[in-house]
Amino acid sequence: MNGPSEFERRVIAAVRRIPPGRVATYGDVAALAGKPRAARAVGNIMRTAGVPGVPCHRVIGAGGAIGGFGGNVQMKRELLRAEGIEVGIGRVRGFERLRWRPTRRA
């Protein structure tokens, strides 16, 4: 079995940098990992990552949409709330204020 691709490793590294109480979009993470048009690929990596210590719940959809979180949206909502992030039914409240925008380097 093959290990993770270089892009997958960069995605995981970028997601690990998202601070508690902050969020980034799939597109933000894709750009940090060097492929700004690969938001969907980031979503697939997050869905299957299963890597301990990677805060996949902090990666959300454009405009603050919560996203799928491997089919367990309620779990994602609870993890975000545990970090002090206000979450409505389908999106993060105050998204632009909570959006993490680091320098490109992952």
PDB file of N, CA and C in Angstrom:
ATOM      1  N   MET A   1       0.841  -1.187   0.000  1.00  0.00           N
ATOM      2  CA  MET A   1       0.000   0.000   0.000  1.00  0.00           C
ATOM      3  C   MET A   1       0.883   1.246   0.000  1.00  0.00           C
ATOM      4  N   ASN A   2       0.495   2.220  -0.791  1.00  0.00           N
ATOM      5  CA  ASN A   2       1.258   3.463  -0.885  1.00  0.00           C
ATOM      6  C   ASN A   2       0.941   4.381   0.276  1.00  0.00           C
ATOM      7  N   GLY A   3       1.930   5.176   0.646  1.00  0.00           N
ATOM      8  CA  GLY A   3       1.720   6.174   1.689  1.00  0.00           C
ATOM      9  C   GLY A   3       1.036   7.393   1.096  1.00  0.00           C
ATOM     10  N   PRO A   4       0.884   8.424   1.909  1.00  0.00           N
ATOM     11  CA  PRO A   4       0.229   9.639   1.418  1.00  0.00           C
ATOM     12  C   PRO A   4       1.071  10.329   0.349  1.00  0.00           C
ATOM     13  N   SER A   5       0.387  10.994  -0.573  1.00  0.00           N
ATOM     14  CA  SER A   5       1.077  11.750  -1.615  1.00  0.00           C
ATOM     15  C   SER A   5       1.693  13.009  -1.001  1.00  0.00           C
ATOM     16  N   GLU A   6       2.531  13.655  -1.769  1.00  0.00           N
ATOM     17  CA  GLU A   6       3.130  14.918  -1.315  1.00  0.00           C
ATOM     18  C   GLU A   6       2.036  15.943  -1.018  1.00  0.00           C
ATOM     19  N   PHE A   7       1.030  16.014  -1.881  1.00  0.00           N
ATOM     20  CA  PHE A   7      -0.074  16.946  -1.659  1.00  0.00           C
ATOM     21  C   PHE A   7      -0.814  16.603  -0.369  1.00  0.00           C
ATOM     22  N   GLU A   8      -1.096  15.337  -0.138  1.00  0.00           N
ATOM     23  CA  GLU A   8      -1.765  14.931   1.104  1.00  0.00           C
ATOM     24  C   GLU A   8      -0.942  15.334   2.330  1.00  0.00           C
ATOM     25  N   ARG A   9       0.352  15.150   2.263  1.00  0.00           N
ATOM     26  CA  ARG A   9       1.213  15.538   3.388  1.00  0.00           C
ATOM     27  C   ARG A   9       1.151  17.046   3.620  1.00  0.00           C
ATOM     28  N   ARG A  10       1.137  17.821   2.537  1.00  0.00           N
ATOM     29  CA  ARG A  10       1.051  19.284   2.685  1.00  0.00           C
ATOM     30  C   ARG A  10      -0.303  19.706   3.238  1.00  0.00           C
ATOM     31  N   VAL A  11      -1.366  19.023   2.820  1.00  0.00           N
ATOM     32  CA  VAL A  11      -2.706  19.320   3.347  1.00  0.00           C
ATOM     33  C   VAL A  11      -2.744  19.058   4.850  1.00  0.00           C
ATOM     34  N   ILE A  12      -2.271  17.898   5.272  1.00  0.00           N
ATOM     35  CA  ILE A  12      -2.275  17.543   6.693  1.00  0.00           C
ATOM     36  C   ILE A  12      -1.439  18.553   7.489  1.00  0.00           C
ATOM     37  N   ALA A  13      -0.288  18.947   6.959  1.00  0.00           N
ATOM     38  CA  ALA A  13       0.573  19.929   7.637  1.00  0.00           C
ATOM     39  C   ALA A  13      -0.154  21.264   7.779  1.00  0.00           C
ATOM     40  N   ALA A  14      -0.865  21.684   6.734  1.00  0.00           N
ATOM     41  CA  ALA A  14      -1.604  22.954   6.782  1.00  0.00           C
ATOM     42  C   ALA A  14      -2.724  22.884   7.819  1.00  0.00           C
ATOM     43  N   VAL A  15      -3.455  21.787   7.850  1.00  0.00           N
ATOM     44  CA  VAL A  15      -4.578  21.652   8.780  1.00  0.00           C
ATOM     45  C   VAL A  15      -4.078  21.633  10.222  1.00  0.00           C
ATOM     46  N   ARG A  16      -2.941  21.015  10.451  1.00  0.00           N
ATOM     47  CA  ARG A  16      -2.375  21.002  11.809  1.00  0.00           C
ATOM     48  C   ARG A  16      -2.055  22.396  12.314  1.00  0.00           C
ATOM     49  N   ARG A  17      -1.843  23.341  11.419  1.00  0.00           N
ATOM     50  CA  ARG A  17      -1.498  24.709  11.804  1.00  0.00           C
ATOM     51  C   ARG A  17      -2.708  25.557  12.184  1.00  0.00           C
ATOM     52  N   ILE A  18      -3.923  25.115  11.862  1.00  0.00           N
ATOM     53  CA  ILE A  18      -5.110  25.911  12.171  1.00  0.00           C
ATOM     54  C   ILE A  18      -5.268  25.961  13.691  1.00  0.00           C
ATOM     55  N   PRO A  19      -5.222  27.143  14.274  1.00  0.00           N
ATOM     56  CA  PRO A  19      -5.292  27.249  15.738  1.00  0.00           C
ATOM     57  C   PRO A  19      -6.679  26.898  16.280  1.00  0.00           C
ATOM     58  N   PRO A  20      -6.747  26.447  17.518  1.00  0.00           N
ATOM     59  CA  PRO A  20      -8.046  26.221  18.156  1.00  0.00           C
ATOM     60  C   PRO A  20      -8.873  27.506  18.139  1.00  0.00           C
ATOM     61  N   GLY A  21     -10.169  27.348  17.895  1.00  0.00           N
ATOM     62  CA  GLY A  21     -11.050  28.506  17.863  1.00  0.00           C
ATOM     63  C   GLY A  21     -11.062  29.240  16.542  1.00  0.00           C
ATOM     64  N   ARG A  22     -10.351  28.709  15.559  1.00  0.00           N
ATOM     65  CA  ARG A  22     -10.306  29.314  14.221  1.00  0.00           C
ATOM     66  C   ARG A  22     -10.696  28.256  13.197  1.00  0.00           C
ATOM     67  N   VAL A  23     -11.064  28.682  11.994  1.00  0.00           N
ATOM     68  CA  VAL A  23     -11.433  27.777  10.917  1.00  0.00           C
ATOM     69  C   VAL A  23     -10.762  28.214   9.622  1.00  0.00           C
ATOM     70  N   ALA A  24     -10.670  27.292   8.686  1.00  0.00           N
ATOM     71  CA  ALA A  24     -10.176  27.585   7.338  1.00  0.00           C
ATOM     72  C   ALA A  24     -11.060  26.822   6.367  1.00  0.00           C
ATOM     73  N   THR A  25     -11.220  27.342   5.173  1.00  0.00           N
ATOM     74  CA  THR A  25     -12.035  26.646   4.182  1.00  0.00           C
ATOM     75  C   THR A  25     -11.207  25.578   3.476  1.00  0.00           C
ATOM     76  N   TYR A  26     -11.913  24.669   2.816  1.00  0.00           N
ATOM     77  CA  TYR A  26     -11.234  23.654   2.014  1.00  0.00           C
ATOM     78  C   TYR A  26     -10.341  24.346   0.980  1.00  0.00           C
ATOM     79  N   GLY A  27     -10.839  25.447   0.401  1.00  0.00           N
ATOM     80  CA  GLY A  27     -10.059  26.200  -0.575  1.00  0.00           C
ATOM     81  C   GLY A  27      -8.831  26.858   0.032  1.00  0.00           C
ATOM     82  N   ASP A  28      -8.973  27.376   1.257  1.00  0.00           N
ATOM     83  CA  ASP A  28      -7.828  27.970   1.951  1.00  0.00           C
ATOM     84  C   ASP A  28      -6.725  26.930   2.129  1.00  0.00           C
ATOM     85  N   VAL A  29      -7.123  25.741   2.574  1.00  0.00           N
ATOM     86  CA  VAL A  29      -6.152  24.674   2.818  1.00  0.00           C
ATOM     87  C   VAL A  29      -5.515  24.232   1.504  1.00  0.00           C
ATOM     88  N   ALA A  30      -6.323  24.121   0.453  1.00  0.00           N
ATOM     89  CA  ALA A  30      -5.781  23.741  -0.859  1.00  0.00           C
ATOM     90  C   ALA A  30      -4.723  24.746  -1.311  1.00  0.00           C
ATOM     91  N   ALA A  31      -5.009  26.040  -1.138  1.00  0.00           N
ATOM     92  CA  ALA A  31      -4.049  27.076  -1.526  1.00  0.00           C
ATOM     93  C   ALA A  31      -2.773  26.969  -0.694  1.00  0.00           C
ATOM     94  N   LEU A  32      -2.916  26.746   0.605  1.00  0.00           N
ATOM     95  CA  LEU A  32      -1.743  26.594   1.464  1.00  0.00           C
ATOM     96  C   LEU A  32      -0.889  25.396   1.046  1.00  0.00           C
ATOM     97  N   ALA A  33      -1.562  24.361   0.574  1.00  0.00           N
ATOM     98  CA  ALA A  33      -0.863  23.143   0.169  1.00  0.00           C
ATOM     99  C   ALA A  33      -0.318  23.241  -1.258  1.00  0.00           C
ATOM    100  N   GLY A  34      -0.522  24.389  -1.901  1.00  0.00           N
ATOM    101  CA  GLY A  34       0.069  24.614  -3.211  1.00  0.00           C
ATOM    102  C   GLY A  34      -0.813  24.310  -4.404  1.00  0.00           C
ATOM    103  N   LYS A  35      -2.082  23.978  -4.177  1.00  0.00           N
ATOM    104  CA  LYS A  35      -3.001  23.698  -5.284  1.00  0.00           C
ATOM    105  C   LYS A  35      -4.326  24.406  -5.018  1.00  0.00           C
ATOM    106  N   PRO A  36      -4.387  25.709  -5.308  1.00  0.00           N
ATOM    107  CA  PRO A  36      -5.557  26.504  -4.940  1.00  0.00           C
ATOM    108  C   PRO A  36      -6.881  26.030  -5.537  1.00  0.00           C
ATOM    109  N   ARG A  37      -6.843  25.254  -6.594  1.00  0.00           N
ATOM    110  CA  ARG A  37      -8.086  24.793  -7.215  1.00  0.00           C
ATOM    111  C   ARG A  37      -8.494  23.390  -6.749  1.00  0.00           C
ATOM    112  N   ALA A  38      -7.850  22.889  -5.710  1.00  0.00           N
ATOM    113  CA  ALA A  38      -8.070  21.504  -5.272  1.00  0.00           C
ATOM    114  C   ALA A  38      -8.886  21.404  -3.981  1.00  0.00           C
ATOM    115  N   ALA A  39      -9.862  22.301  -3.805  1.00  0.00           N
ATOM    116  CA  ALA A  39     -10.676  22.276  -2.587  1.00  0.00           C
ATOM    117  C   ALA A  39     -11.394  20.939  -2.415  1.00  0.00           C
ATOM    118  N   ARG A  40     -11.917  20.390  -3.505  1.00  0.00           N
ATOM    119  CA  ARG A  40     -12.629  19.113  -3.428  1.00  0.00           C
ATOM    120  C   ARG A  40     -11.690  17.994  -2.981  1.00  0.00           C
ATOM    121  N   ALA A  41     -10.465  18.020  -3.481  1.00  0.00           N
ATOM    122  CA  ALA A  41      -9.475  17.010  -3.070  1.00  0.00           C
ATOM    123  C   ALA A  41      -9.180  17.131  -1.574  1.00  0.00           C
ATOM    124  N   VAL A  42      -9.115  18.365  -1.072  1.00  0.00           N
ATOM    125  CA  VAL A  42      -8.903  18.562   0.369  1.00  0.00           C
ATOM    126  C   VAL A  42     -10.062  17.943   1.146  1.00  0.00           C
ATOM    127  N   GLY A  43     -11.287  18.147   0.667  1.00  0.00           N
ATOM    128  CA  GLY A  43     -12.447  17.553   1.320  1.00  0.00           C
ATOM    129  C   GLY A  43     -12.340  16.037   1.380  1.00  0.00           C
ATOM    130  N   ASN A  44     -11.886  15.433   0.292  1.00  0.00           N
ATOM    131  CA  ASN A  44     -11.716  13.974   0.266  1.00  0.00           C
ATOM    132  C   ASN A  44     -10.633  13.526   1.232  1.00  0.00           C
ATOM    133  N   ILE A  45      -9.561  14.281   1.317  1.00  0.00           N
ATOM    134  CA  ILE A  45      -8.477  13.944   2.254  1.00  0.00           C
ATOM    135  C   ILE A  45      -8.986  14.055   3.690  1.00  0.00           C
ATOM    136  N   MET A  46      -9.743  15.106   3.982  1.00  0.00           N
ATOM    137  CA  MET A  46     -10.267  15.285   5.333  1.00  0.00           C
ATOM    138  C   MET A  46     -11.219  14.150   5.702  1.00  0.00           C
ATOM    139  N   ARG A  47     -12.012  13.709   4.729  1.00  0.00           N
ATOM    140  CA  ARG A  47     -12.998  12.658   4.982  1.00  0.00           C
ATOM    141  C   ARG A  47     -12.333  11.335   5.323  1.00  0.00           C
ATOM    142  N   THR A  48     -11.163  11.097   4.737  1.00  0.00           N
ATOM    143  CA  THR A  48     -10.511   9.800   4.919  1.00  0.00           C
ATOM    144  C   THR A  48      -9.225   9.861   5.738  1.00  0.00           C
ATOM    145  N   ALA A  49      -8.855  11.051   6.225  1.00  0.00           N
ATOM    146  CA  ALA A  49      -7.550  11.224   6.878  1.00  0.00           C
ATOM    147  C   ALA A  49      -7.366  10.293   8.068  1.00  0.00           C
ATOM    148  N   GLY A  50      -8.195  10.418   9.073  1.00  0.00           N
ATOM    149  CA  GLY A  50      -8.070   9.568  10.252  1.00  0.00           C
ATOM    150  C   GLY A  50      -6.709   9.612  10.917  1.00  0.00           C
ATOM    151  N   VAL A  51      -6.020  10.739  10.800  1.00  0.00           N
ATOM    152  CA  VAL A  51      -4.700  10.891  11.399  1.00  0.00           C
ATOM    153  C   VAL A  51      -4.868  11.554  12.764  1.00  0.00           C
ATOM    154  N   PRO A  52      -4.432  10.905  13.842  1.00  0.00           N
ATOM    155  CA  PRO A  52      -4.559  11.517  15.164  1.00  0.00           C
ATOM    156  C   PRO A  52      -3.866  12.877  15.224  1.00  0.00           C
ATOM    157  N   GLY A  53      -4.481  13.800  15.916  1.00  0.00           N
ATOM    158  CA  GLY A  53      -3.879  15.116  16.091  1.00  0.00           C
ATOM    159  C   GLY A  53      -4.126  16.082  14.954  1.00  0.00           C
ATOM    160  N   VAL A  54      -4.895  15.677  13.945  1.00  0.00           N
ATOM    161  CA  VAL A  54      -5.200  16.569  12.833  1.00  0.00           C
ATOM    162  C   VAL A  54      -6.620  17.101  13.036  1.00  0.00           C
ATOM    163  N   PRO A  55      -6.762  18.406  13.260  1.00  0.00           N
ATOM    164  CA  PRO A  55      -8.076  18.975  13.567  1.00  0.00           C
ATOM    165  C   PRO A  55      -8.937  19.179  12.318  1.00  0.00           C
ATOM    166  N   CYS A  56      -9.322  18.075  11.688  1.00  0.00           N
ATOM    167  CA  CYS A  56     -10.118  18.132  10.454  1.00  0.00           C
ATOM    168  C   CYS A  56     -11.407  18.924  10.632  1.00  0.00           C
ATOM    169  N   HIS A  57     -11.934  18.955  11.859  1.00  0.00           N
ATOM    170  CA  HIS A  57     -13.191  19.667  12.106  1.00  0.00           C
ATOM    171  C   HIS A  57     -13.061  21.173  11.895  1.00  0.00           C
ATOM    172  N   ARG A  58     -11.846  21.690  11.874  1.00  0.00           N
ATOM    173  CA  ARG A  58     -11.643  23.132  11.676  1.00  0.00           C
ATOM    174  C   ARG A  58     -11.666  23.520  10.201  1.00  0.00           C
ATOM    175  N   VAL A  59     -11.760  22.554   9.313  1.00  0.00           N
ATOM    176  CA  VAL A  59     -11.818  22.826   7.881  1.00  0.00           C
ATOM    177  C   VAL A  59     -13.285  22.803   7.479  1.00  0.00           C
ATOM    178  N   ILE A  60     -13.743  23.932   6.918  1.00  0.00           N
ATOM    179  CA  ILE A  60     -15.156  24.088   6.602  1.00  0.00           C
ATOM    180  C   ILE A  60     -15.329  24.535   5.157  1.00  0.00           C
ATOM    181  N   GLY A  61     -16.576  24.563   4.724  1.00  0.00           N
ATOM    182  CA  GLY A  61     -16.877  24.981   3.366  1.00  0.00           C
ATOM    183  C   GLY A  61     -16.826  26.484   3.189  1.00  0.00           C
ATOM    184  N   ALA A  62     -16.893  26.893   1.935  1.00  0.00           N
ATOM    185  CA  ALA A  62     -16.876  28.311   1.592  1.00  0.00           C
ATOM    186  C   ALA A  62     -18.040  29.028   2.261  1.00  0.00           C
ATOM    187  N   GLY A  63     -17.802  30.240   2.692  1.00  0.00           N
ATOM    188  CA  GLY A  63     -18.848  31.034   3.309  1.00  0.00           C
ATOM    189  C   GLY A  63     -19.235  30.587   4.708  1.00  0.00           C
ATOM    190  N   GLY A  64     -18.481  29.648   5.271  1.00  0.00           N
ATOM    191  CA  GLY A  64     -18.758  29.201   6.632  1.00  0.00           C
ATOM    192  C   GLY A  64     -19.609  27.954   6.742  1.00  0.00           C
ATOM    193  N   ALA A  65     -19.943  27.331   5.599  1.00  0.00           N
ATOM    194  CA  ALA A  65     -20.737  26.100   5.643  1.00  0.00           C
ATOM    195  C   ALA A  65     -19.957  25.018   6.385  1.00  0.00           C
ATOM    196  N   ILE A  66     -20.654  24.262   7.211  1.00  0.00           N
ATOM    197  CA  ILE A  66     -19.978  23.266   8.045  1.00  0.00           C
ATOM    198  C   ILE A  66     -19.350  22.145   7.224  1.00  0.00           C
ATOM    199  N   GLY A  67     -20.023  21.662   6.203  1.00  0.00           N
ATOM    200  CA  GLY A  67     -19.486  20.551   5.423  1.00  0.00           C
ATOM    201  C   GLY A  67     -19.898  19.222   6.024  1.00  0.00           C
ATOM    202  N   GLY A  68     -19.399  18.144   5.466  1.00  0.00           N
ATOM    203  CA  GLY A  68     -19.893  16.820   5.824  1.00  0.00           C
ATOM    204  C   GLY A  68     -19.233  16.104   6.969  1.00  0.00           C
ATOM    205  N   PHE A  69     -17.935  16.266   7.168  1.00  0.00           N
ATOM    206  CA  PHE A  69     -17.189  15.623   8.251  1.00  0.00           C
ATOM    207  C   PHE A  69     -17.420  14.116   8.280  1.00  0.00           C
ATOM    208  N   GLY A  70     -17.221  13.480   7.136  1.00  0.00           N
ATOM    209  CA  GLY A  70     -17.357  12.032   7.069  1.00  0.00           C
ATOM    210  C   GLY A  70     -18.739  11.543   7.439  1.00  0.00           C
ATOM    211  N   GLY A  71     -19.748  12.396   7.220  1.00  0.00           N
ATOM    212  CA  GLY A  71     -21.117  12.005   7.501  1.00  0.00           C
ATOM    213  C   GLY A  71     -21.585  12.299   8.913  1.00  0.00           C
ATOM    214  N   ASN A  72     -20.709  12.802   9.783  1.00  0.00           N
ATOM    215  CA  ASN A  72     -21.111  13.074  11.159  1.00  0.00           C
ATOM    216  C   ASN A  72     -21.035  14.578  11.435  1.00  0.00           C
ATOM    217  N   VAL A  73     -21.998  15.299  10.865  1.00  0.00           N
ATOM    218  CA  VAL A  73     -22.027  16.756  10.995  1.00  0.00           C
ATOM    219  C   VAL A  73     -22.222  17.171  12.449  1.00  0.00           C
ATOM    220  N   GLN A  74     -23.012  16.434  13.194  1.00  0.00           N
ATOM    221  CA  GLN A  74     -23.250  16.772  14.598  1.00  0.00           C
ATOM    222  C   GLN A  74     -21.939  16.719  15.391  1.00  0.00           C
ATOM    223  N   MET A  75     -21.112  15.732  15.122  1.00  0.00           N
ATOM    224  CA  MET A  75     -19.814  15.626  15.803  1.00  0.00           C
ATOM    225  C   MET A  75     -18.947  16.841  15.472  1.00  0.00           C
ATOM    226  N   LYS A  76     -18.928  17.236  14.198  1.00  0.00           N
ATOM    227  CA  LYS A  76     -18.141  18.401  13.793  1.00  0.00           C
ATOM    228  C   LYS A  76     -18.659  19.644  14.515  1.00  0.00           C
ATOM    229  N   ARG A  77     -19.970  19.801  14.554  1.00  0.00           N
ATOM    230  CA  ARG A  77     -20.592  20.936  15.230  1.00  0.00           C
ATOM    231  C   ARG A  77     -20.166  20.974  16.697  1.00  0.00           C
ATOM    232  N   GLU A  78     -20.203  19.824  17.362  1.00  0.00           N
ATOM    233  CA  GLU A  78     -19.838  19.759  18.780  1.00  0.00           C
ATOM    234  C   GLU A  78     -18.360  20.056  19.000  1.00  0.00           C
ATOM    235  N   LEU A  79     -17.493  19.561  18.128  1.00  0.00           N
ATOM    236  CA  LEU A  79     -16.055  19.837  18.258  1.00  0.00           C
ATOM    237  C   LEU A  79     -15.771  21.325  18.088  1.00  0.00           C
ATOM    238  N   LEU A  80     -16.430  21.955  17.123  1.00  0.00           N
ATOM    239  CA  LEU A  80     -16.250  23.392  16.920  1.00  0.00           C
ATOM    240  C   LEU A  80     -16.767  24.178  18.124  1.00  0.00           C
ATOM    241  N   ARG A  81     -17.935  23.812  18.620  1.00  0.00           N
ATOM    242  CA  ARG A  81     -18.496  24.504  19.789  1.00  0.00           C
ATOM    243  C   ARG A  81     -17.602  24.345  21.011  1.00  0.00           C
ATOM    244  N   ALA A  82     -16.982  23.187  21.158  1.00  0.00           N
ATOM    245  CA  ALA A  82     -16.079  22.946  22.296  1.00  0.00           C
ATOM    246  C   ALA A  82     -14.886  23.897  22.259  1.00  0.00           C
ATOM    247  N   GLU A  83     -14.573  24.431  21.077  1.00  0.00           N
ATOM    248  CA  GLU A  83     -13.475  25.393  20.935  1.00  0.00           C
ATOM    249  C   GLU A  83     -13.971  26.835  21.001  1.00  0.00           C
ATOM    250  N   GLY A  84     -15.255  27.007  21.330  1.00  0.00           N
ATOM    251  CA  GLY A  84     -15.803  28.350  21.468  1.00  0.00           C
ATOM    252  C   GLY A  84     -16.320  28.955  20.182  1.00  0.00           C
ATOM    253  N   ILE A  85     -16.443  28.159  19.133  1.00  0.00           N
ATOM    254  CA  ILE A  85     -16.948  28.651  17.854  1.00  0.00           C
ATOM    255  C   ILE A  85     -18.462  28.502  17.835  1.00  0.00           C
ATOM    256  N   GLU A  86     -19.161  29.594  17.529  1.00  0.00           N
ATOM    257  CA  GLU A  86     -20.623  29.534  17.433  1.00  0.00           C
ATOM    258  C   GLU A  86     -21.001  28.905  16.105  1.00  0.00           C
ATOM    259  N   VAL A  87     -21.853  27.872  16.188  1.00  0.00           N
ATOM    260  CA  VAL A  87     -22.256  27.144  15.000  1.00  0.00           C
ATOM    261  C   VAL A  87     -23.769  27.085  14.946  1.00  0.00           C
ATOM    262  N   GLY A  88     -24.325  27.499  13.809  1.00  0.00           N
ATOM    263  CA  GLY A  88     -25.762  27.375  13.595  1.00  0.00           C
ATOM    264  C   GLY A  88     -26.057  26.000  13.007  1.00  0.00           C
ATOM    265  N   ILE A  89     -27.202  25.872  12.409  1.00  0.00           N
ATOM    266  CA  ILE A  89     -27.596  24.583  11.841  1.00  0.00           C
ATOM    267  C   ILE A  89     -26.617  24.140  10.764  1.00  0.00           C
ATOM    268  N   GLY A  90     -26.250  25.029   9.872  1.00  0.00           N
ATOM    269  CA  GLY A  90     -25.393  24.617   8.768  1.00  0.00           C
ATOM    270  C   GLY A  90     -24.136  25.417   8.557  1.00  0.00           C
ATOM    271  N   ARG A  91     -23.916  26.434   9.405  1.00  0.00           N
ATOM    272  CA  ARG A  91     -22.715  27.254   9.185  1.00  0.00           C
ATOM    273  C   ARG A  91     -22.156  27.845  10.470  1.00  0.00           C
ATOM    274  N   VAL A  92     -20.895  28.247  10.338  1.00  0.00           N
ATOM    275  CA  VAL A  92     -20.195  28.899  11.445  1.00  0.00           C
ATOM    276  C   VAL A  92     -20.642  30.356  11.490  1.00  0.00           C
ATOM    277  N   ARG A  93     -21.026  30.817  12.665  1.00  0.00           N
ATOM    278  CA  ARG A  93     -21.415  32.220  12.827  1.00  0.00           C
ATOM    279  C   ARG A  93     -20.154  33.057  13.011  1.00  0.00           C
ATOM    280  N   GLY A  94     -20.131  34.220  12.390  1.00  0.00           N
ATOM    281  CA  GLY A  94     -18.948  35.073  12.478  1.00  0.00           C
ATOM    282  C   GLY A  94     -17.779  34.500  11.694  1.00  0.00           C
ATOM    283  N   PHE A  95     -18.095  33.831  10.601  1.00  0.00           N
ATOM    284  CA  PHE A  95     -17.083  33.130   9.806  1.00  0.00           C
ATOM    285  C   PHE A  95     -15.881  34.000   9.453  1.00  0.00           C
ATOM    286  N   GLU A  96     -16.113  35.189   8.906  1.00  0.00           N
ATOM    287  CA  GLU A  96     -14.984  36.020   8.467  1.00  0.00           C
ATOM    288  C   GLU A  96     -14.079  36.408   9.634  1.00  0.00           C
ATOM    289  N   ARG A  97     -14.646  36.608  10.792  1.00  0.00           N
ATOM    290  CA  ARG A  97     -13.859  36.959  11.979  1.00  0.00           C
ATOM    291  C   ARG A  97     -13.016  35.775  12.450  1.00  0.00           C
ATOM    292  N   LEU A  98     -13.533  34.569  12.275  1.00  0.00           N
ATOM    293  CA  LEU A  98     -12.847  33.361  12.750  1.00  0.00           C
ATOM    294  C   LEU A  98     -11.960  32.710  11.699  1.00  0.00           C
ATOM    295  N   ARG A  99     -12.035  33.191  10.482  1.00  0.00           N
ATOM    296  CA  ARG A  99     -11.285  32.570   9.385  1.00  0.00           C
ATOM    297  C   ARG A  99      -9.793  32.790   9.572  1.00  0.00           C
ATOM    298  N   TRP A 100      -9.064  31.703   9.527  1.00  0.00           N
ATOM    299  CA  TRP A 100      -7.619  31.733   9.702  1.00  0.00           C
ATOM    300  C   TRP A 100      -6.987  31.952   8.346  1.00  0.00           C
ATOM    301  N   ARG A 101      -6.186  32.994   8.215  1.00  0.00           N
ATOM    302  CA  ARG A 101      -5.528  33.328   6.948  1.00  0.00           C
ATOM    303  C   ARG A 101      -4.040  33.523   7.185  1.00  0.00           C
ATOM    304  N   PRO A 102      -3.303  32.437   7.213  1.00  0.00           N
ATOM    305  CA  PRO A 102      -1.860  32.543   7.462  1.00  0.00           C
ATOM    306  C   PRO A 102      -1.113  32.888   6.187  1.00  0.00           C
ATOM    307  N   THR A 103       0.179  32.954   6.325  1.00  0.00           N
ATOM    308  CA  THR A 103       1.013  33.051   5.136  1.00  0.00           C
ATOM    309  C   THR A 103       0.935  31.713   4.422  1.00  0.00           C
ATOM    310  N   ARG A 104       1.296  31.667   3.181  1.00  0.00           N
ATOM    311  CA  ARG A 104       1.122  30.483   2.337  1.00  0.00           C
ATOM    312  C   ARG A 104       1.870  29.266   2.860  1.00  0.00           C
ATOM    313  N   ARG A 105       3.011  29.439   3.443  1.00  0.00           N
ATOM    314  CA  ARG A 105       3.878  28.302   3.784  1.00  0.00           C
ATOM    315  C   ARG A 105       3.219  27.338   4.763  1.00  0.00           C
ATOM    316  N   ALA A 106       3.054  26.082   4.323  1.00  0.00           N
ATOM    317  CA  ALA A 106       2.505  25.033   5.197  1.00  0.00           C
ATOM    318  C   ALA A 106       3.646  24.227   5.653  1.00  0.00           C
TER     319      ALA A 106
END
